Amino acid sequence: MPETHRLRILWTDGHEGEYDYDYLRGYCPCAGCQGHHSLSVEFKRPATSVTPLAIEPVGNYAVAFQWSDAHATGIYRFDFLRKICPCDQCSEARKRLGGERENQGDS
């Protein structure tokens, strides 16, 4: 959806996620963006607004983007894309899980 600056993914279970291009670029999972020893992927806002110049499949498990800022090394696994889905439903589920994990440490 270039006109809205978003990528729409319709998952096989019927869930639909819309990912802003800058959001995806900010969650680039490559070692150059996240560091070589990172155990989790953190959002790092891109220096400029980006658009994908190309989106290529990586096997049957991921996609790779060539971004307009010349970055092209991140491989976005489908399970990772689902995990970072920015929709309200998924965002709320992540908050609930995060709260449960914090509470488990209190006992």
PDB file of N, CA and C in Angstrom:
ATOM      1  N   MET A   1       0.828  -1.176   0.000  1.00  0.00           N
ATOM      2  CA  MET A   1       0.000   0.000   0.000  1.00  0.00           C
ATOM      3  C   MET A   1       0.876   1.244   0.000  1.00  0.00           C
ATOM      4  N   PRO A   2       1.589   1.496  -1.097  1.00  0.00           N
ATOM      5  CA  PRO A   2       2.516   2.626  -1.130  1.00  0.00           C
ATOM      6  C   PRO A   2       1.867   3.971  -0.788  1.00  0.00           C
ATOM      7  N   GLU A   3       0.608   4.151  -1.163  1.00  0.00           N
ATOM      8  CA  GLU A   3      -0.036   5.443  -0.919  1.00  0.00           C
ATOM      9  C   GLU A   3      -0.220   5.712   0.571  1.00  0.00           C
ATOM     10  N   THR A   4      -0.276   4.680   1.392  1.00  0.00           N
ATOM     11  CA  THR A   4      -0.440   4.874   2.831  1.00  0.00           C
ATOM     12  C   THR A   4       0.866   4.677   3.600  1.00  0.00           C
ATOM     13  N   HIS A   5       1.948   4.361   2.872  1.00  0.00           N
ATOM     14  CA  HIS A   5       3.258   4.176   3.501  1.00  0.00           C
ATOM     15  C   HIS A   5       3.234   2.981   4.457  1.00  0.00           C
ATOM     16  N   ARG A   6       2.479   1.929   4.066  1.00  0.00           N
ATOM     17  CA  ARG A   6       2.312   0.748   4.915  1.00  0.00           C
ATOM     18  C   ARG A   6       2.368  -0.531   4.102  1.00  0.00           C
ATOM     19  N   LEU A   7       2.752  -1.604   4.783  1.00  0.00           N
ATOM     20  CA  LEU A   7       2.720  -2.945   4.225  1.00  0.00           C
ATOM     21  C   LEU A   7       1.589  -3.689   4.932  1.00  0.00           C
ATOM     22  N   ARG A   8       0.696  -4.279   4.174  1.00  0.00           N
ATOM     23  CA  ARG A   8      -0.405  -5.041   4.752  1.00  0.00           C
ATOM     24  C   ARG A   8      -0.106  -6.527   4.593  1.00  0.00           C
ATOM     25  N   ILE A   9      -0.232  -7.267   5.694  1.00  0.00           N
ATOM     26  CA  ILE A   9      -0.050  -8.716   5.673  1.00  0.00           C
ATOM     27  C   ILE A   9      -1.347  -9.360   6.141  1.00  0.00           C
ATOM     28  N   LEU A  10      -1.869 -10.243   5.316  1.00  0.00           N
ATOM     29  CA  LEU A  10      -3.035 -11.039   5.699  1.00  0.00           C
ATOM     30  C   LEU A  10      -2.515 -12.425   6.046  1.00  0.00           C
ATOM     31  N   TRP A  11      -2.613 -12.792   7.326  1.00  0.00           N
ATOM     32  CA  TRP A  11      -2.086 -14.055   7.819  1.00  0.00           C
ATOM     33  C   TRP A  11      -3.074 -15.186   7.523  1.00  0.00           C
ATOM     34  N   THR A  12      -2.578 -16.411   7.507  1.00  0.00           N
ATOM     35  CA  THR A  12      -3.412 -17.563   7.149  1.00  0.00           C
ATOM     36  C   THR A  12      -4.552 -17.792   8.137  1.00  0.00           C
ATOM     37  N   ASP A  13      -4.436 -17.276   9.361  1.00  0.00           N
ATOM     38  CA  ASP A  13      -5.521 -17.432  10.327  1.00  0.00           C
ATOM     39  C   ASP A  13      -6.562 -16.314  10.215  1.00  0.00           C
ATOM     40  N   GLY A  14      -6.418 -15.454   9.194  1.00  0.00           N
ATOM     41  CA  GLY A  14      -7.370 -14.370   8.971  1.00  0.00           C
ATOM     42  C   GLY A  14      -6.976 -13.051   9.606  1.00  0.00           C
ATOM     43  N   HIS A  15      -5.972 -13.057  10.479  1.00  0.00           N
ATOM     44  CA  HIS A  15      -5.513 -11.821  11.113  1.00  0.00           C
ATOM     45  C   HIS A  15      -4.870 -10.933  10.051  1.00  0.00           C
ATOM     46  N   GLU A  16      -5.067  -9.636  10.181  1.00  0.00           N
ATOM     47  CA  GLU A  16      -4.473  -8.685   9.240  1.00  0.00           C
ATOM     48  C   GLU A  16      -3.645  -7.669  10.004  1.00  0.00           C
ATOM     49  N   GLY A  17      -2.417  -7.489   9.557  1.00  0.00           N
ATOM     50  CA  GLY A  17      -1.543  -6.497  10.166  1.00  0.00           C
ATOM     51  C   GLY A  17      -1.129  -5.462   9.144  1.00  0.00           C
ATOM     52  N   GLU A  18      -1.084  -4.209   9.560  1.00  0.00           N
ATOM     53  CA  GLU A  18      -0.592  -3.126   8.704  1.00  0.00           C
ATOM     54  C   GLU A  18       0.625  -2.518   9.383  1.00  0.00           C
ATOM     55  N   TYR A  19       1.749  -2.589   8.693  1.00  0.00           N
ATOM     56  CA  TYR A  19       3.032  -2.179   9.230  1.00  0.00           C
ATOM     57  C   TYR A  19       3.518  -0.927   8.511  1.00  0.00           C
ATOM     58  N   ASP A  20       3.678   0.157   9.230  1.00  0.00           N
ATOM     59  CA  ASP A  20       4.255   1.366   8.667  1.00  0.00           C
ATOM     60  C   ASP A  20       5.692   1.056   8.247  1.00  0.00           C
ATOM     61  N   TYR A  21       6.109   1.572   7.113  1.00  0.00           N
ATOM     62  CA  TYR A  21       7.460   1.285   6.613  1.00  0.00           C
ATOM     63  C   TYR A  21       8.543   1.681   7.618  1.00  0.00           C
ATOM     64  N   ASP A  22       8.404   2.845   8.238  1.00  0.00           N
ATOM     65  CA  ASP A  22       9.400   3.283   9.210  1.00  0.00           C
ATOM     66  C   ASP A  22       9.421   2.359  10.436  1.00  0.00           C
ATOM     67  N   TYR A  23       8.257   1.845  10.812  1.00  0.00           N
ATOM     68  CA  TYR A  23       8.156   0.880  11.918  1.00  0.00           C
ATOM     69  C   TYR A  23       8.943  -0.378  11.575  1.00  0.00           C
ATOM     70  N   LEU A  24       8.742  -0.912  10.374  1.00  0.00           N
ATOM     71  CA  LEU A  24       9.482  -2.105   9.951  1.00  0.00           C
ATOM     72  C   LEU A  24      10.978  -1.842   9.907  1.00  0.00           C
ATOM     73  N   ARG A  25      11.359  -0.727   9.321  1.00  0.00           N
ATOM     74  CA  ARG A  25      12.795  -0.403   9.226  1.00  0.00           C
ATOM     75  C   ARG A  25      13.395  -0.255  10.618  1.00  0.00           C
ATOM     76  N   GLY A  26      12.638   0.333  11.535  1.00  0.00           N
ATOM     77  CA  GLY A  26      13.115   0.515  12.905  1.00  0.00           C
ATOM     78  C   GLY A  26      13.308  -0.787  13.659  1.00  0.00           C
ATOM     79  N   TYR A  27      12.595  -1.824  13.242  1.00  0.00           N
ATOM     80  CA  TYR A  27      12.730  -3.146  13.858  1.00  0.00           C
ATOM     81  C   TYR A  27      13.620  -4.077  13.039  1.00  0.00           C
ATOM     82  N   CYS A  28      14.480  -3.511  12.204  1.00  0.00           N
ATOM     83  CA  CYS A  28      15.368  -4.353  11.405  1.00  0.00           C
ATOM     84  C   CYS A  28      16.145  -5.289  12.328  1.00  0.00           C
ATOM     85  N   PRO A  29      16.061  -6.599  12.070  1.00  0.00           N
ATOM     86  CA  PRO A  29      16.712  -7.556  12.970  1.00  0.00           C
ATOM     87  C   PRO A  29      18.179  -7.851  12.665  1.00  0.00           C
ATOM     88  N   CYS A  30      18.779  -7.173  11.708  1.00  0.00           N
ATOM     89  CA  CYS A  30      20.162  -7.512  11.334  1.00  0.00           C
ATOM     90  C   CYS A  30      21.146  -7.117  12.445  1.00  0.00           C
ATOM     91  N   ALA A  31      22.309  -7.745  12.436  1.00  0.00           N
ATOM     92  CA  ALA A  31      23.341  -7.488  13.441  1.00  0.00           C
ATOM     93  C   ALA A  31      23.851  -6.053  13.372  1.00  0.00           C
ATOM     94  N   GLY A  32      23.877  -5.470  12.173  1.00  0.00           N
ATOM     95  CA  GLY A  32      24.327  -4.089  12.043  1.00  0.00           C
ATOM     96  C   GLY A  32      23.417  -3.117  12.766  1.00  0.00           C
ATOM     97  N   CYS A  33      22.140  -3.407  12.785  1.00  0.00           N
ATOM     98  CA  CYS A  33      21.182  -2.535  13.465  1.00  0.00           C
ATOM     99  C   CYS A  33      21.013  -2.877  14.939  1.00  0.00           C
ATOM    100  N   GLN A  34      21.070  -4.161  15.262  1.00  0.00           N
ATOM    101  CA  GLN A  34      20.768  -4.603  16.625  1.00  0.00           C
ATOM    102  C   GLN A  34      21.996  -4.955  17.450  1.00  0.00           C
ATOM    103  N   GLY A  35      23.151  -5.065  16.810  1.00  0.00           N
ATOM    104  CA  GLY A  35      24.352  -5.491  17.517  1.00  0.00           C
ATOM    105  C   GLY A  35      24.533  -6.988  17.360  1.00  0.00           C
ATOM    106  N   HIS A  36      25.723  -7.446  17.558  1.00  0.00           N
ATOM    107  CA  HIS A  36      26.046  -8.847  17.321  1.00  0.00           C
ATOM    108  C   HIS A  36      25.648  -9.767  18.465  1.00  0.00           C
ATOM    109  N   HIS A  37      25.366  -9.227  19.638  1.00  0.00           N
ATOM    110  CA  HIS A  37      25.039 -10.070  20.782  1.00  0.00           C
ATOM    111  C   HIS A  37      23.641  -9.794  21.320  1.00  0.00           C
ATOM    112  N   SER A  38      22.816  -9.160  20.531  1.00  0.00           N
ATOM    113  CA  SER A  38      21.489  -8.802  20.992  1.00  0.00           C
ATOM    114  C   SER A  38      20.594 -10.034  21.104  1.00  0.00           C
ATOM    115  N   LEU A  39      19.960 -10.179  22.261  1.00  0.00           N
ATOM    116  CA  LEU A  39      19.037 -11.289  22.472  1.00  0.00           C
ATOM    117  C   LEU A  39      17.617 -10.921  22.079  1.00  0.00           C
ATOM    118  N   SER A  40      17.345  -9.643  21.985  1.00  0.00           N
ATOM    119  CA  SER A  40      16.021  -9.195  21.562  1.00  0.00           C
ATOM    120  C   SER A  40      16.190  -8.049  20.568  1.00  0.00           C
ATOM    121  N   VAL A  41      15.179  -7.872  19.750  1.00  0.00           N
ATOM    122  CA  VAL A  41      15.206  -6.811  18.750  1.00  0.00           C
ATOM    123  C   VAL A  41      14.496  -5.596  19.325  1.00  0.00           C
ATOM    124  N   GLU A  42      15.171  -4.469  19.309  1.00  0.00           N
ATOM    125  CA  GLU A  42      14.617  -3.225  19.825  1.00  0.00           C
ATOM    126  C   GLU A  42      14.347  -2.265  18.675  1.00  0.00           C
ATOM    127  N   PHE A  43      13.329  -1.436  18.841  1.00  0.00           N
ATOM    128  CA  PHE A  43      13.003  -0.440  17.822  1.00  0.00           C
ATOM    129  C   PHE A  43      14.053   0.663  17.846  1.00  0.00           C
ATOM    130  N   LYS A  44      14.592   0.956  16.662  1.00  0.00           N
ATOM    131  CA  LYS A  44      15.556   2.038  16.497  1.00  0.00           C
ATOM    132  C   LYS A  44      15.086   2.888  15.325  1.00  0.00           C
ATOM    133  N   ARG A  45      14.547   4.034  15.658  1.00  0.00           N
ATOM    134  CA  ARG A  45      13.939   4.910  14.644  1.00  0.00           C
ATOM    135  C   ARG A  45      14.921   5.200  13.510  1.00  0.00           C
ATOM    136  N   PRO A  46      14.466   5.023  12.264  1.00  0.00           N
ATOM    137  CA  PRO A  46      15.356   5.345  11.134  1.00  0.00           C
ATOM    138  C   PRO A  46      15.642   6.846  11.080  1.00  0.00           C
ATOM    139  N   ALA A  47      16.811   7.197  10.576  1.00  0.00           N
ATOM    140  CA  ALA A  47      17.215   8.603  10.501  1.00  0.00           C
ATOM    141  C   ALA A  47      16.307   9.418   9.582  1.00  0.00           C
ATOM    142  N   THR A  48      15.803   8.770   8.534  1.00  0.00           N
ATOM    143  CA  THR A  48      14.887   9.420   7.613  1.00  0.00           C
ATOM    144  C   THR A  48      13.749   8.458   7.307  1.00  0.00           C
ATOM    145  N   SER A  49      12.660   9.003   6.816  1.00  0.00           N
ATOM    146  CA  SER A  49      11.533   8.168   6.431  1.00  0.00           C
ATOM    147  C   SER A  49      11.950   7.289   5.247  1.00  0.00           C
ATOM    148  N   VAL A  50      11.492   6.041   5.246  1.00  0.00           N
ATOM    149  CA  VAL A  50      11.926   5.089   4.225  1.00  0.00           C
ATOM    150  C   VAL A  50      10.738   4.478   3.480  1.00  0.00           C
ATOM    151  N   THR A  51      11.054   3.920   2.329  1.00  0.00           N
ATOM    152  CA  THR A  51      10.118   3.104   1.571  1.00  0.00           C
ATOM    153  C   THR A  51      10.874   1.876   1.079  1.00  0.00           C
ATOM    154  N   PRO A  52      10.184   0.773   0.901  1.00  0.00           N
ATOM    155  CA  PRO A  52      10.878  -0.394   0.370  1.00  0.00           C
ATOM    156  C   PRO A  52      11.024  -0.264  -1.148  1.00  0.00           C
ATOM    157  N   LEU A  53      12.242  -0.454  -1.645  1.00  0.00           N
ATOM    158  CA  LEU A  53      12.479  -0.457  -3.087  1.00  0.00           C
ATOM    159  C   LEU A  53      12.213  -1.839  -3.658  1.00  0.00           C
ATOM    160  N   ALA A  54      12.395  -2.866  -2.800  1.00  0.00           N
ATOM    161  CA  ALA A  54      12.138  -4.254  -3.191  1.00  0.00           C
ATOM    162  C   ALA A  54      11.815  -5.059  -1.939  1.00  0.00           C
ATOM    163  N   ILE A  55      10.947  -6.045  -2.095  1.00  0.00           N
ATOM    164  CA  ILE A  55      10.633  -7.004  -1.040  1.00  0.00           C
ATOM    165  C   ILE A  55      10.790  -8.381  -1.672  1.00  0.00           C
ATOM    166  N   GLU A  56      11.718  -9.160  -1.125  1.00  0.00           N
ATOM    167  CA  GLU A  56      12.041 -10.460  -1.710  1.00  0.00           C
ATOM    168  C   GLU A  56      11.794 -11.578  -0.711  1.00  0.00           C
ATOM    169  N   PRO A  57      11.253 -12.709  -1.163  1.00  0.00           N
ATOM    170  CA  PRO A  57      11.104 -13.850  -0.253  1.00  0.00           C
ATOM    171  C   PRO A  57      12.463 -14.450   0.091  1.00  0.00           C
ATOM    172  N   VAL A  58      12.564 -14.965   1.300  1.00  0.00           N
ATOM    173  CA  VAL A  58      13.750 -15.701   1.742  1.00  0.00           C
ATOM    174  C   VAL A  58      13.229 -17.092   2.117  1.00  0.00           C
ATOM    175  N   GLY A  59      13.416 -18.027   1.224  1.00  0.00           N
ATOM    176  CA  GLY A  59      12.858 -19.356   1.437  1.00  0.00           C
ATOM    177  C   GLY A  59      11.363 -19.265   1.639  1.00  0.00           C
ATOM    178  N   ASN A  60      10.854 -20.120   2.513  1.00  0.00           N
ATOM    179  CA  ASN A  60       9.430 -20.106   2.861  1.00  0.00           C
ATOM    180  C   ASN A  60       9.202 -19.555   4.257  1.00  0.00           C
ATOM    181  N   TYR A  61      10.191 -18.843   4.800  1.00  0.00           N
ATOM    182  CA  TYR A  61      10.090 -18.445   6.202  1.00  0.00           C
ATOM    183  C   TYR A  61      10.291 -16.956   6.466  1.00  0.00           C
ATOM    184  N   ALA A  62      10.636 -16.168   5.454  1.00  0.00           N
ATOM    185  CA  ALA A  62      10.979 -14.775   5.731  1.00  0.00           C
ATOM    186  C   ALA A  62      10.913 -13.922   4.464  1.00  0.00           C
ATOM    187  N   VAL A  63      11.077 -12.606   4.665  1.00  0.00           N
ATOM    188  CA  VAL A  63      11.224 -11.659   3.557  1.00  0.00           C
ATOM    189  C   VAL A  63      12.394 -10.737   3.872  1.00  0.00           C
ATOM    190  N   ALA A  64      12.984 -10.205   2.818  1.00  0.00           N
ATOM    191  CA  ALA A  64      14.067  -9.233   2.957  1.00  0.00           C
ATOM    192  C   ALA A  64      13.653  -7.968   2.216  1.00  0.00           C
ATOM    193  N   PHE A  65      13.949  -6.842   2.799  1.00  0.00           N
ATOM    194  CA  PHE A  65      13.613  -5.544   2.214  1.00  0.00           C
ATOM    195  C   PHE A  65      14.874  -4.859   1.732  1.00  0.00           C
ATOM    196  N   GLN A  66      14.769  -4.192   0.624  1.00  0.00           N
ATOM    197  CA  GLN A  66      15.795  -3.242   0.213  1.00  0.00           C
ATOM    198  C   GLN A  66      15.156  -1.886   0.456  1.00  0.00           C
ATOM    199  N   TRP A  67      15.679  -1.165   1.432  1.00  0.00           N
ATOM    200  CA  TRP A  67      15.081   0.103   1.843  1.00  0.00           C
ATOM    201  C   TRP A  67      15.666   1.282   1.064  1.00  0.00           C
ATOM    202  N   SER A  68      14.912   2.346   1.006  1.00  0.00           N
ATOM    203  CA  SER A  68      15.331   3.542   0.282  1.00  0.00           C
ATOM    204  C   SER A  68      16.526   4.245   0.929  1.00  0.00           C
ATOM    205  N   ASP A  69      16.867   3.884   2.162  1.00  0.00           N
ATOM    206  CA  ASP A  69      18.058   4.456   2.806  1.00  0.00           C
ATOM    207  C   ASP A  69      19.300   3.606   2.535  1.00  0.00           C
ATOM    208  N   ALA A  70      19.228   2.710   1.546  1.00  0.00           N
ATOM    209  CA  ALA A  70      20.318   1.849   1.090  1.00  0.00           C
ATOM    210  C   ALA A  70      20.591   0.670   2.019  1.00  0.00           C
ATOM    211  N   HIS A  71      19.742   0.447   2.998  1.00  0.00           N
ATOM    212  CA  HIS A  71      19.903  -0.695   3.905  1.00  0.00           C
ATOM    213  C   HIS A  71      19.171  -1.904   3.331  1.00  0.00           C
ATOM    214  N   ALA A  72      19.824  -3.075   3.363  1.00  0.00           N
ATOM    215  CA  ALA A  72      19.201  -4.257   2.760  1.00  0.00           C
ATOM    216  C   ALA A  72      19.674  -5.565   3.387  1.00  0.00           C
ATOM    217  N   THR A  73      20.125  -5.551   4.631  1.00  0.00           N
ATOM    218  CA  THR A  73      20.672  -6.778   5.204  1.00  0.00           C
ATOM    219  C   THR A  73      19.742  -7.496   6.177  1.00  0.00           C
ATOM    220  N   GLY A  74      18.627  -6.908   6.536  1.00  0.00           N
ATOM    221  CA  GLY A  74      17.732  -7.542   7.501  1.00  0.00           C
ATOM    222  C   GLY A  74      16.875  -8.625   6.874  1.00  0.00           C
ATOM    223  N   ILE A  75      16.762  -9.753   7.547  1.00  0.00           N
ATOM    224  CA  ILE A  75      15.857 -10.826   7.134  1.00  0.00           C
ATOM    225  C   ILE A  75      14.755 -10.886   8.188  1.00  0.00           C
ATOM    226  N   TYR A  76      13.544 -10.617   7.764  1.00  0.00           N
ATOM    227  CA  TYR A  76      12.396 -10.548   8.660  1.00  0.00           C
ATOM    228  C   TYR A  76      11.633 -11.863   8.586  1.00  0.00           C
ATOM    229  N   ARG A  77      11.840 -12.722   9.593  1.00  0.00           N
ATOM    230  CA  ARG A  77      11.127 -13.995   9.639  1.00  0.00           C
ATOM    231  C   ARG A  77       9.629 -13.718   9.813  1.00  0.00           C
ATOM    232  N   PHE A  78       8.801 -14.580   9.249  1.00  0.00           N
ATOM    233  CA  PHE A  78       7.354 -14.391   9.366  1.00  0.00           C
ATOM    234  C   PHE A  78       6.910 -14.419  10.825  1.00  0.00           C
ATOM    235  N   ASP A  79       7.485 -15.312  11.640  1.00  0.00           N
ATOM    236  CA  ASP A  79       7.099 -15.352  13.054  1.00  0.00           C
ATOM    237  C   ASP A  79       7.487 -14.052  13.767  1.00  0.00           C
ATOM    238  N   PHE A  80       8.599 -13.443  13.353  1.00  0.00           N
ATOM    239  CA  PHE A  80       9.005 -12.159  13.924  1.00  0.00           C
ATOM    240  C   PHE A  80       8.026 -11.059  13.517  1.00  0.00           C
ATOM    241  N   LEU A  81       7.635 -11.031  12.238  1.00  0.00           N
ATOM    242  CA  LEU A  81       6.682 -10.030  11.781  1.00  0.00           C
ATOM    243  C   LEU A  81       5.357 -10.143  12.538  1.00  0.00           C
ATOM    244  N   ARG A  82       4.922 -11.364  12.775  1.00  0.00           N
ATOM    245  CA  ARG A  82       3.680 -11.547  13.534  1.00  0.00           C
ATOM    246  C   ARG A  82       3.870 -11.083  14.971  1.00  0.00           C
ATOM    247  N   LYS A  83       5.032 -11.364  15.533  1.00  0.00           N
ATOM    248  CA  LYS A  83       5.317 -10.971  16.917  1.00  0.00           C
ATOM    249  C   LYS A  83       5.285  -9.456  17.101  1.00  0.00           C
ATOM    250  N   ILE A  84       5.732  -8.701  16.098  1.00  0.00           N
ATOM    251  CA  ILE A  84       5.774  -7.232  16.223  1.00  0.00           C
ATOM    252  C   ILE A  84       4.561  -6.562  15.578  1.00  0.00           C
ATOM    253  N   CYS A  85       3.535  -7.324  15.241  1.00  0.00           N
ATOM    254  CA  CYS A  85       2.344  -6.739  14.612  1.00  0.00           C
ATOM    255  C   CYS A  85       1.874  -5.549  15.446  1.00  0.00           C
ATOM    256  N   PRO A  86       1.713  -4.382  14.816  1.00  0.00           N
ATOM    257  CA  PRO A  86       1.378  -3.180  15.568  1.00  0.00           C
ATOM    258  C   PRO A  86      -0.120  -2.959  15.813  1.00  0.00           C
ATOM    259  N   CYS A  87      -0.976  -3.889  15.395  1.00  0.00           N
ATOM    260  CA  CYS A  87      -2.417  -3.673  15.570  1.00  0.00           C
ATOM    261  C   CYS A  87      -2.762  -3.610  17.064  1.00  0.00           C
ATOM    262  N   ASP A  88      -3.902  -3.038  17.386  1.00  0.00           N
ATOM    263  CA  ASP A  88      -4.317  -2.884  18.779  1.00  0.00           C
ATOM    264  C   ASP A  88      -4.405  -4.224  19.494  1.00  0.00           C
ATOM    265  N   GLN A  89      -4.973  -5.217  18.832  1.00  0.00           N
ATOM    266  CA  GLN A  89      -5.144  -6.542  19.439  1.00  0.00           C
ATOM    267  C   GLN A  89      -3.792  -7.149  19.826  1.00  0.00           C
ATOM    268  N   CYS A  90      -2.838  -7.130  18.920  1.00  0.00           N
ATOM    269  CA  CYS A  90      -1.520  -7.707  19.200  1.00  0.00           C
ATOM    270  C   CYS A  90      -0.748  -6.872  20.217  1.00  0.00           C
ATOM    271  N   SER A  91      -0.863  -5.554  20.140  1.00  0.00           N
ATOM    272  CA  SER A  91      -0.184  -4.675  21.102  1.00  0.00           C
ATOM    273  C   SER A  91      -0.687  -4.939  22.516  1.00  0.00           C
ATOM    274  N   GLU A  92      -1.996  -5.090  22.686  1.00  0.00           N
ATOM    275  CA  GLU A  92      -2.569  -5.386  23.996  1.00  0.00           C
ATOM    276  C   GLU A  92      -2.109  -6.744  24.503  1.00  0.00           C
ATOM    277  N   ALA A  93      -2.048  -7.731  23.609  1.00  0.00           N
ATOM    278  CA  ALA A  93      -1.587  -9.071  24.008  1.00  0.00           C
ATOM    279  C   ALA A  93      -0.142  -9.018  24.487  1.00  0.00           C
ATOM    280  N   ARG A  94       0.711  -8.236  23.812  1.00  0.00           N
ATOM    281  CA  ARG A  94       2.107  -8.106  24.244  1.00  0.00           C
ATOM    282  C   ARG A  94       2.187  -7.451  25.623  1.00  0.00           C
ATOM    283  N   LYS A  95       1.354  -6.453  25.857  1.00  0.00           N
ATOM    284  CA  LYS A  95       1.346  -5.783  27.162  1.00  0.00           C
ATOM    285  C   LYS A  95       0.930  -6.751  28.261  1.00  0.00           C
ATOM    286  N   ARG A  96      -0.105  -7.551  27.992  1.00  0.00           N
ATOM    287  CA  ARG A  96      -0.557  -8.527  28.989  1.00  0.00           C
ATOM    288  C   ARG A  96       0.534  -9.545  29.284  1.00  0.00           C
ATOM    289  N   LEU A  97       1.195 -10.050  28.256  1.00  0.00           N
ATOM    290  CA  LEU A  97       2.273 -11.026  28.449  1.00  0.00           C
ATOM    291  C   LEU A  97       3.438 -10.415  29.211  1.00  0.00           C
ATOM    292  N   GLY A  98       3.775  -9.193  28.880  1.00  0.00           N
ATOM    293  CA  GLY A  98       4.865  -8.516  29.582  1.00  0.00           C
ATOM    294  C   GLY A  98       4.549  -8.336  31.052  1.00  0.00           C
ATOM    295  N   GLY A  99       3.314  -7.961  31.359  1.00  0.00           N
ATOM    296  CA  GLY A  99       2.890  -7.801  32.746  1.00  0.00           C
ATOM    297  C   GLY A  99       2.901  -9.114  33.489  1.00  0.00           C
ATOM    298  N   GLU A 100       2.496 -10.212  32.821  1.00  0.00           N
ATOM    299  CA  GLU A 100       2.499 -11.528  33.458  1.00  0.00           C
ATOM    300  C   GLU A 100       3.920 -11.957  33.774  1.00  0.00           C
ATOM    301  N   ARG A 101       4.845 -11.706  32.854  1.00  0.00           N
ATOM    302  CA  ARG A 101       6.241 -12.089  33.095  1.00  0.00           C
ATOM    303  C   ARG A 101       6.820 -11.317  34.282  1.00  0.00           C
ATOM    304  N   GLU A 102       6.497 -10.012  34.365  1.00  0.00           N
ATOM    305  CA  GLU A 102       6.988  -9.214  35.479  1.00  0.00           C
ATOM    306  C   GLU A 102       6.410  -9.732  36.793  1.00  0.00           C
ATOM    307  N   ASN A 103       5.120 -10.061  36.791  1.00  0.00           N
ATOM    308  CA  ASN A 103       4.464 -10.559  38.004  1.00  0.00           C
ATOM    309  C   ASN A 103       5.024 -11.910  38.436  1.00  0.00           C
ATOM    310  N   GLN A 104       5.436 -12.747  37.488  1.00  0.00           N
ATOM    311  CA  GLN A 104       5.973 -14.058  37.838  1.00  0.00           C
ATOM    312  C   GLN A 104       7.275 -13.912  38.613  1.00  0.00           C
ATOM    313  N   GLY A 105       8.007 -12.854  38.355  1.00  0.00           N
ATOM    314  CA  GLY A 105       9.275 -12.646  39.058  1.00  0.00           C
ATOM    315  C   GLY A 105       9.084 -12.188  40.506  1.00  0.00           C
ATOM    316  N   ASP A 106       7.870 -11.744  40.842  1.00  0.00           N
ATOM    317  CA  ASP A 106       7.598 -11.240  42.187  1.00  0.00           C
ATOM    318  C   ASP A 106       7.337 -12.339  43.198  1.00  0.00           C
ATOM    319  N   SER A 107       7.062 -13.550  42.764  1.00  0.00           N
ATOM    320  CA  SER A 107       6.682 -14.593  43.730  1.00  0.00           C
ATOM    321  C   SER A 107       7.867 -15.293  44.328  1.00  0.00           C
TER     322      SER A 107
END
